[in-house]
Amino acid sequence: MVRIDKTLVPVPAILDTGRDGHSALEQIKTDYDNGIREFRFSPKIYGHKTVKDALKKAQHDKCCFCEARVAHN
């Protein structure tokens, strides 16, 4: 399994406090507290290039489940 050290990669601005990602996360938390267990994640936020690049860097450009190179898939 790929070791992931999130402290080595800065949080992308789109996910940081006060941004779209933070607002989306707060809405998911509220929905969960209200019994909603099915969530939709915005590709504009979680599919953003800066988020993908941060995950690739933190995971050494590998899938954290199967360890295949992300670029090859």
PDB file of N, CA and C in Angstrom:
ATOM      1  N   MET A   1       0.847  -1.174   0.000  1.00  0.00           N
ATOM      2  CA  MET A   1       0.000   0.000   0.000  1.00  0.00           C
ATOM      3  C   MET A   1       0.896   1.241   0.000  1.00  0.00           C
ATOM      4  N   VAL A   2       0.488   2.253  -0.728  1.00  0.00           N
ATOM      5  CA  VAL A   2       1.244   3.496  -0.829  1.00  0.00           C
ATOM      6  C   VAL A   2       1.106   4.290   0.457  1.00  0.00           C
ATOM      7  N   ARG A   3       2.228   4.694   1.008  1.00  0.00           N
ATOM      8  CA  ARG A   3       2.204   5.536   2.202  1.00  0.00           C
ATOM      9  C   ARG A   3       1.883   6.968   1.779  1.00  0.00           C
ATOM     10  N   ILE A   4       0.925   7.572   2.444  1.00  0.00           N
ATOM     11  CA  ILE A   4       0.512   8.927   2.103  1.00  0.00           C
ATOM     12  C   ILE A   4       0.816   9.844   3.272  1.00  0.00           C
ATOM     13  N   ASP A   5       1.634  10.843   3.023  1.00  0.00           N
ATOM     14  CA  ASP A   5       1.967  11.834   4.038  1.00  0.00           C
ATOM     15  C   ASP A   5       1.416  13.177   3.563  1.00  0.00           C
ATOM     16  N   LYS A   6       0.242  13.521   4.031  1.00  0.00           N
ATOM     17  CA  LYS A   6      -0.427  14.742   3.583  1.00  0.00           C
ATOM     18  C   LYS A   6       0.278  16.014   4.046  1.00  0.00           C
ATOM     19  N   THR A   7       1.171  15.898   5.005  1.00  0.00           N
ATOM     20  CA  THR A   7       1.865  17.092   5.492  1.00  0.00           C
ATOM     21  C   THR A   7       2.887  17.599   4.484  1.00  0.00           C
ATOM     22  N   LEU A   8       3.261  16.771   3.517  1.00  0.00           N
ATOM     23  CA  LEU A   8       4.253  17.167   2.522  1.00  0.00           C
ATOM     24  C   LEU A   8       3.651  17.955   1.361  1.00  0.00           C
ATOM     25  N   VAL A   9       2.330  17.952   1.264  1.00  0.00           N
ATOM     26  CA  VAL A   9       1.653  18.592   0.135  1.00  0.00           C
ATOM     27  C   VAL A   9       0.722  19.678   0.671  1.00  0.00           C
ATOM     28  N   PRO A  10       0.879  20.911   0.200  1.00  0.00           N
ATOM     29  CA  PRO A  10      -0.020  21.974   0.668  1.00  0.00           C
ATOM     30  C   PRO A  10      -1.460  21.741   0.201  1.00  0.00           C
ATOM     31  N   VAL A  11      -2.406  22.178   0.995  1.00  0.00           N
ATOM     32  CA  VAL A  11      -3.822  22.061   0.638  1.00  0.00           C
ATOM     33  C   VAL A  11      -4.104  22.989  -0.545  1.00  0.00           C
ATOM     34  N   PRO A  12      -4.697  22.454  -1.619  1.00  0.00           N
ATOM     35  CA  PRO A  12      -5.034  23.317  -2.750  1.00  0.00           C
ATOM     36  C   PRO A  12      -5.993  24.431  -2.311  1.00  0.00           C
ATOM     37  N   ALA A  13      -5.816  25.591  -2.878  1.00  0.00           N
ATOM     38  CA  ALA A  13      -6.620  26.762  -2.487  1.00  0.00           C
ATOM     39  C   ALA A  13      -8.120  26.508  -2.606  1.00  0.00           C
ATOM     40  N   ILE A  14      -8.534  25.740  -3.596  1.00  0.00           N
ATOM     41  CA  ILE A  14      -9.965  25.504  -3.800  1.00  0.00           C
ATOM     42  C   ILE A  14     -10.583  24.711  -2.637  1.00  0.00           C
ATOM     43  N   LEU A  15      -9.760  23.983  -1.884  1.00  0.00           N
ATOM     44  CA  LEU A  15     -10.251  23.218  -0.735  1.00  0.00           C
ATOM     45  C   LEU A  15     -10.074  23.953   0.586  1.00  0.00           C
ATOM     46  N   ASP A  16      -9.306  25.013   0.578  1.00  0.00           N
ATOM     47  CA  ASP A  16      -8.954  25.703   1.805  1.00  0.00           C
ATOM     48  C   ASP A  16     -10.148  26.448   2.401  1.00  0.00           C
ATOM     49  N   THR A  17     -10.025  26.791   3.664  1.00  0.00           N
ATOM     50  CA  THR A  17     -11.073  27.485   4.407  1.00  0.00           C
ATOM     51  C   THR A  17     -11.577  28.722   3.672  1.00  0.00           C
ATOM     52  N   GLY A  18     -12.894  28.856   3.643  1.00  0.00           N
ATOM     53  CA  GLY A  18     -13.506  30.031   3.029  1.00  0.00           C
ATOM     54  C   GLY A  18     -13.702  29.911   1.533  1.00  0.00           C
ATOM     55  N   ARG A  19     -13.308  28.792   0.950  1.00  0.00           N
ATOM     56  CA  ARG A  19     -13.421  28.598  -0.491  1.00  0.00           C
ATOM     57  C   ARG A  19     -14.563  27.639  -0.796  1.00  0.00           C
ATOM     58  N   ASP A  20     -14.756  27.342  -2.074  1.00  0.00           N
ATOM     59  CA  ASP A  20     -15.838  26.455  -2.513  1.00  0.00           C
ATOM     60  C   ASP A  20     -15.794  25.092  -1.829  1.00  0.00           C
ATOM     61  N   GLY A  21     -14.603  24.517  -1.739  1.00  0.00           N
ATOM     62  CA  GLY A  21     -14.467  23.193  -1.137  1.00  0.00           C
ATOM     63  C   GLY A  21     -14.856  23.172   0.322  1.00  0.00           C
ATOM     64  N   HIS A  22     -14.501  24.222   1.034  1.00  0.00           N
ATOM     65  CA  HIS A  22     -14.854  24.304   2.454  1.00  0.00           C
ATOM     66  C   HIS A  22     -16.376  24.387   2.604  1.00  0.00           C
ATOM     67  N   SER A  23     -17.016  25.188   1.783  1.00  0.00           N
ATOM     68  CA  SER A  23     -18.481  25.316   1.839  1.00  0.00           C
ATOM     69  C   SER A  23     -19.155  23.985   1.507  1.00  0.00           C
ATOM     70  N   ALA A  24     -18.616  23.294   0.498  1.00  0.00           N
ATOM     71  CA  ALA A  24     -19.182  21.996   0.116  1.00  0.00           C
ATOM     72  C   ALA A  24     -19.028  20.990   1.247  1.00  0.00           C
ATOM     73  N   LEU A  25     -17.874  20.987   1.903  1.00  0.00           N
ATOM     74  CA  LEU A  25     -17.635  20.071   3.013  1.00  0.00           C
ATOM     75  C   LEU A  25     -18.606  20.355   4.164  1.00  0.00           C
ATOM     76  N   GLU A  26     -18.809  21.611   4.466  1.00  0.00           N
ATOM     77  CA  GLU A  26     -19.746  21.969   5.544  1.00  0.00           C
ATOM     78  C   GLU A  26     -21.165  21.501   5.205  1.00  0.00           C
ATOM     79  N   GLN A  27     -21.557  21.603   3.937  1.00  0.00           N
ATOM     80  CA  GLN A  27     -22.890  21.152   3.519  1.00  0.00           C
ATOM     81  C   GLN A  27     -23.000  19.633   3.663  1.00  0.00           C
ATOM     82  N   ILE A  28     -21.956  18.911   3.300  1.00  0.00           N
ATOM     83  CA  ILE A  28     -21.962  17.449   3.446  1.00  0.00           C
ATOM     84  C   ILE A  28     -22.085  17.068   4.919  1.00  0.00           C
ATOM     85  N   LYS A  29     -21.367  17.756   5.791  1.00  0.00           N
ATOM     86  CA  LYS A  29     -21.450  17.486   7.227  1.00  0.00           C
ATOM     87  C   LYS A  29     -22.860  17.732   7.748  1.00  0.00           C
ATOM     88  N   THR A  30     -23.466  18.835   7.329  1.00  0.00           N
ATOM     89  CA  THR A  30     -24.828  19.159   7.747  1.00  0.00           C
ATOM     90  C   THR A  30     -25.805  18.100   7.259  1.00  0.00           C
ATOM     91  N   ASP A  31     -25.680  17.716   5.992  1.00  0.00           N
ATOM     92  CA  ASP A  31     -26.552  16.680   5.441  1.00  0.00           C
ATOM     93  C   ASP A  31     -26.408  15.379   6.224  1.00  0.00           C
ATOM     94  N   TYR A  32     -25.166  14.998   6.532  1.00  0.00           N
ATOM     95  CA  TYR A  32     -24.925  13.771   7.284  1.00  0.00           C
ATOM     96  C   TYR A  32     -25.588  13.846   8.659  1.00  0.00           C
ATOM     97  N   ASP A  33     -25.433  14.968   9.334  1.00  0.00           N
ATOM     98  CA  ASP A  33     -26.052  15.152  10.647  1.00  0.00           C
ATOM     99  C   ASP A  33     -27.576  15.082  10.575  1.00  0.00           C
ATOM    100  N   ASN A  34     -28.135  15.410   9.414  1.00  0.00           N
ATOM    101  CA  ASN A  34     -29.583  15.369   9.212  1.00  0.00           C
ATOM    102  C   ASN A  34     -30.061  14.038   8.634  1.00  0.00           C
ATOM    103  N   GLY A  35     -29.178  13.040   8.612  1.00  0.00           N
ATOM    104  CA  GLY A  35     -29.581  11.703   8.206  1.00  0.00           C
ATOM    105  C   GLY A  35     -29.402  11.382   6.731  1.00  0.00           C
ATOM    106  N   ILE A  36     -28.885  12.307   5.957  1.00  0.00           N
ATOM    107  CA  ILE A  36     -28.665  12.049   4.532  1.00  0.00           C
ATOM    108  C   ILE A  36     -27.364  11.267   4.400  1.00  0.00           C
ATOM    109  N   ARG A  37     -27.428  10.129   3.698  1.00  0.00           N
ATOM    110  CA  ARG A  37     -26.250   9.268   3.579  1.00  0.00           C
ATOM    111  C   ARG A  37     -25.800   9.072   2.128  1.00  0.00           C
ATOM    112  N   GLU A  38     -26.350   9.854   1.228  1.00  0.00           N
ATOM    113  CA  GLU A  38     -25.927   9.779  -0.172  1.00  0.00           C
ATOM    114  C   GLU A  38     -25.449  11.167  -0.575  1.00  0.00           C
ATOM    115  N   PHE A  39     -24.219  11.245  -1.053  1.00  0.00           N
ATOM    116  CA  PHE A  39     -23.611  12.544  -1.325  1.00  0.00           C
ATOM    117  C   PHE A  39     -23.172  12.660  -2.773  1.00  0.00           C
ATOM    118  N   ARG A  40     -23.210  13.856  -3.265  1.00  0.00           N
ATOM    119  CA  ARG A  40     -22.707  14.155  -4.605  1.00  0.00           C
ATOM    120  C   ARG A  40     -21.545  15.131  -4.429  1.00  0.00           C
ATOM    121  N   PHE A  41     -20.433  14.789  -5.033  1.00  0.00           N
ATOM    122  CA  PHE A  41     -19.251  15.623  -4.944  1.00  0.00           C
ATOM    123  C   PHE A  41     -19.075  16.396  -6.236  1.00  0.00           C
ATOM    124  N   SER A  42     -18.841  17.663  -6.140  1.00  0.00           N
ATOM    125  CA  SER A  42     -18.710  18.524  -7.306  1.00  0.00           C
ATOM    126  C   SER A  42     -17.387  18.274  -8.032  1.00  0.00           C
ATOM    127  N   PRO A  43     -17.455  17.908  -9.306  1.00  0.00           N
ATOM    128  CA  PRO A  43     -16.217  17.737 -10.068  1.00  0.00           C
ATOM    129  C   PRO A  43     -15.478  19.057 -10.274  1.00  0.00           C
ATOM    130  N   LYS A  44     -16.194  20.174 -10.154  1.00  0.00           N
ATOM    131  CA  LYS A  44     -15.538  21.479 -10.270  1.00  0.00           C
ATOM    132  C   LYS A  44     -14.599  21.722  -9.092  1.00  0.00           C
ATOM    133  N   ILE A  45     -14.889  21.089  -7.970  1.00  0.00           N
ATOM    134  CA  ILE A  45     -14.053  21.239  -6.780  1.00  0.00           C
ATOM    135  C   ILE A  45     -13.072  20.070  -6.679  1.00  0.00           C
ATOM    136  N   TYR A  46     -13.611  18.867  -6.547  1.00  0.00           N
ATOM    137  CA  TYR A  46     -12.767  17.697  -6.272  1.00  0.00           C
ATOM    138  C   TYR A  46     -12.065  17.161  -7.516  1.00  0.00           C
ATOM    139  N   GLY A  47     -12.505  17.568  -8.694  1.00  0.00           N
ATOM    140  CA  GLY A  47     -11.841  17.183  -9.929  1.00  0.00           C
ATOM    141  C   GLY A  47     -10.921  18.269 -10.455  1.00  0.00           C
ATOM    142  N   HIS A  48     -10.772  19.327  -9.679  1.00  0.00           N
ATOM    143  CA  HIS A  48      -9.944  20.463 -10.092  1.00  0.00           C
ATOM    144  C   HIS A  48      -8.491  20.018 -10.246  1.00  0.00           C
ATOM    145  N   LYS A  49      -7.800  20.584 -11.218  1.00  0.00           N
ATOM    146  CA  LYS A  49      -6.423  20.200 -11.519  1.00  0.00           C
ATOM    147  C   LYS A  49      -5.511  20.299 -10.293  1.00  0.00           C
ATOM    148  N   THR A  50      -5.685  21.335  -9.487  1.00  0.00           N
ATOM    149  CA  THR A  50      -4.813  21.499  -8.320  1.00  0.00           C
ATOM    150  C   THR A  50      -5.034  20.387  -7.285  1.00  0.00           C
ATOM    151  N   VAL A  51      -6.272  19.909  -7.174  1.00  0.00           N
ATOM    152  CA  VAL A  51      -6.571  18.815  -6.249  1.00  0.00           C
ATOM    153  C   VAL A  51      -5.964  17.524  -6.774  1.00  0.00           C
ATOM    154  N   LYS A  52      -6.142  17.269  -8.062  1.00  0.00           N
ATOM    155  CA  LYS A  52      -5.575  16.057  -8.663  1.00  0.00           C
ATOM    156  C   LYS A  52      -4.050  16.054  -8.551  1.00  0.00           C
ATOM    157  N   ASP A  53      -3.437  17.193  -8.818  1.00  0.00           N
ATOM    158  CA  ASP A  53      -1.978  17.283  -8.734  1.00  0.00           C
ATOM    159  C   ASP A  53      -1.481  17.041  -7.304  1.00  0.00           C
ATOM    160  N   ALA A  54      -2.203  17.570  -6.316  1.00  0.00           N
ATOM    161  CA  ALA A  54      -1.817  17.364  -4.917  1.00  0.00           C
ATOM    162  C   ALA A  54      -1.931  15.882  -4.535  1.00  0.00           C
ATOM    163  N   LEU A  55      -2.991  15.226  -4.990  1.00  0.00           N
ATOM    164  CA  LEU A  55      -3.149  13.794  -4.696  1.00  0.00           C
ATOM    165  C   LEU A  55      -2.068  12.969  -5.373  1.00  0.00           C
ATOM    166  N   LYS A  56      -1.767  13.310  -6.618  1.00  0.00           N
ATOM    167  CA  LYS A  56      -0.704  12.590  -7.330  1.00  0.00           C
ATOM    168  C   LYS A  56       0.625  12.728  -6.589  1.00  0.00           C
ATOM    169  N   LYS A  57       0.917  13.929  -6.129  1.00  0.00           N
ATOM    170  CA  LYS A  57       2.180  14.156  -5.425  1.00  0.00           C
ATOM    171  C   LYS A  57       2.204  13.403  -4.091  1.00  0.00           C
ATOM    172  N   ALA A  58       1.136  13.484  -3.323  1.00  0.00           N
ATOM    173  CA  ALA A  58       1.073  12.827  -2.013  1.00  0.00           C
ATOM    174  C   ALA A  58       1.138  11.307  -2.136  1.00  0.00           C
ATOM    175  N   GLN A  59       0.609  10.772  -3.240  1.00  0.00           N
ATOM    176  CA  GLN A  59       0.534   9.322  -3.430  1.00  0.00           C
ATOM    177  C   GLN A  59       1.608   8.812  -4.391  1.00  0.00           C
ATOM    178  N   HIS A  60       2.613   9.639  -4.644  1.00  0.00           N
ATOM    179  CA  HIS A  60       3.737   9.236  -5.497  1.00  0.00           C
ATOM    180  C   HIS A  60       3.270   8.816  -6.887  1.00  0.00           C
ATOM    181  N   ASP A  61       2.244   9.501  -7.409  1.00  0.00           N
ATOM    182  CA  ASP A  61       1.679   9.251  -8.746  1.00  0.00           C
ATOM    183  C   ASP A  61       1.126   7.829  -8.887  1.00  0.00           C
ATOM    184  N   LYS A  62       0.645   7.282  -7.748  1.00  0.00           N
ATOM    185  CA  LYS A  62       0.083   5.930  -7.761  1.00  0.00           C
ATOM    186  C   LYS A  62      -1.311   5.928  -7.148  1.00  0.00           C
ATOM    187  N   CYS A  63      -2.104   4.949  -7.560  1.00  0.00           N
ATOM    188  CA  CYS A  63      -3.410   4.712  -6.952  1.00  0.00           C
ATOM    189  C   CYS A  63      -3.166   4.237  -5.522  1.00  0.00           C
ATOM    190  N   CYS A  64      -3.885   4.811  -4.557  1.00  0.00           N
ATOM    191  CA  CYS A  64      -3.657   4.430  -3.157  1.00  0.00           C
ATOM    192  C   CYS A  64      -4.235   3.051  -2.838  1.00  0.00           C
ATOM    193  N   PHE A  65      -4.999   2.461  -3.748  1.00  0.00           N
ATOM    194  CA  PHE A  65      -5.575   1.135  -3.516  1.00  0.00           C
ATOM    195  C   PHE A  65      -4.786   0.025  -4.204  1.00  0.00           C
ATOM    196  N   CYS A  66      -4.504   0.197  -5.517  1.00  0.00           N
ATOM    197  CA  CYS A  66      -3.858  -0.887  -6.270  1.00  0.00           C
ATOM    198  C   CYS A  66      -2.400  -0.590  -6.626  1.00  0.00           C
ATOM    199  N   GLU A  67      -1.930   0.602  -6.339  1.00  0.00           N
ATOM    200  CA  GLU A  67      -0.570   1.043  -6.600  1.00  0.00           C
ATOM    201  C   GLU A  67      -0.195   1.127  -8.083  1.00  0.00           C
ATOM    202  N   ALA A  68      -1.175   1.097  -8.957  1.00  0.00           N
ATOM    203  CA  ALA A  68      -0.899   1.285 -10.384  1.00  0.00           C
ATOM    204  C   ALA A  68      -0.548   2.755 -10.604  1.00  0.00           C
ATOM    205  N   ARG A  69       0.323   3.014 -11.541  1.00  0.00           N
ATOM    206  CA  ARG A  69       0.667   4.407 -11.878  1.00  0.00           C
ATOM    207  C   ARG A  69      -0.576   5.101 -12.414  1.00  0.00           C
ATOM    208  N   VAL A  70      -0.883   6.265 -11.888  1.00  0.00           N
ATOM    209  CA  VAL A  70      -2.073   7.020 -12.283  1.00  0.00           C
ATOM    210  C   VAL A  70      -2.007   7.383 -13.759  1.00  0.00           C
ATOM    211  N   ALA A  71      -0.830   7.766 -14.235  1.00  0.00           N
ATOM    212  CA  ALA A  71      -0.672   8.176 -15.629  1.00  0.00           C
ATOM    213  C   ALA A  71      -0.957   7.032 -16.605  1.00  0.00           C
ATOM    214  N   HIS A  72      -0.819   5.794 -16.154  1.00  0.00           N
ATOM    215  CA  HIS A  72      -1.032   4.634 -17.027  1.00  0.00           C
ATOM    216  C   HIS A  72      -2.493   4.244 -17.116  1.00  0.00           C
ATOM    217  N   ASN A  73      -3.310   4.740 -16.228  1.00  0.00           N
ATOM    218  CA  ASN A  73      -4.727   4.358 -16.225  1.00  0.00           C
ATOM    219  C   ASN A  73      -5.536   5.407 -16.872  1.00  0.00           C
TER     220      ASN A  73
END
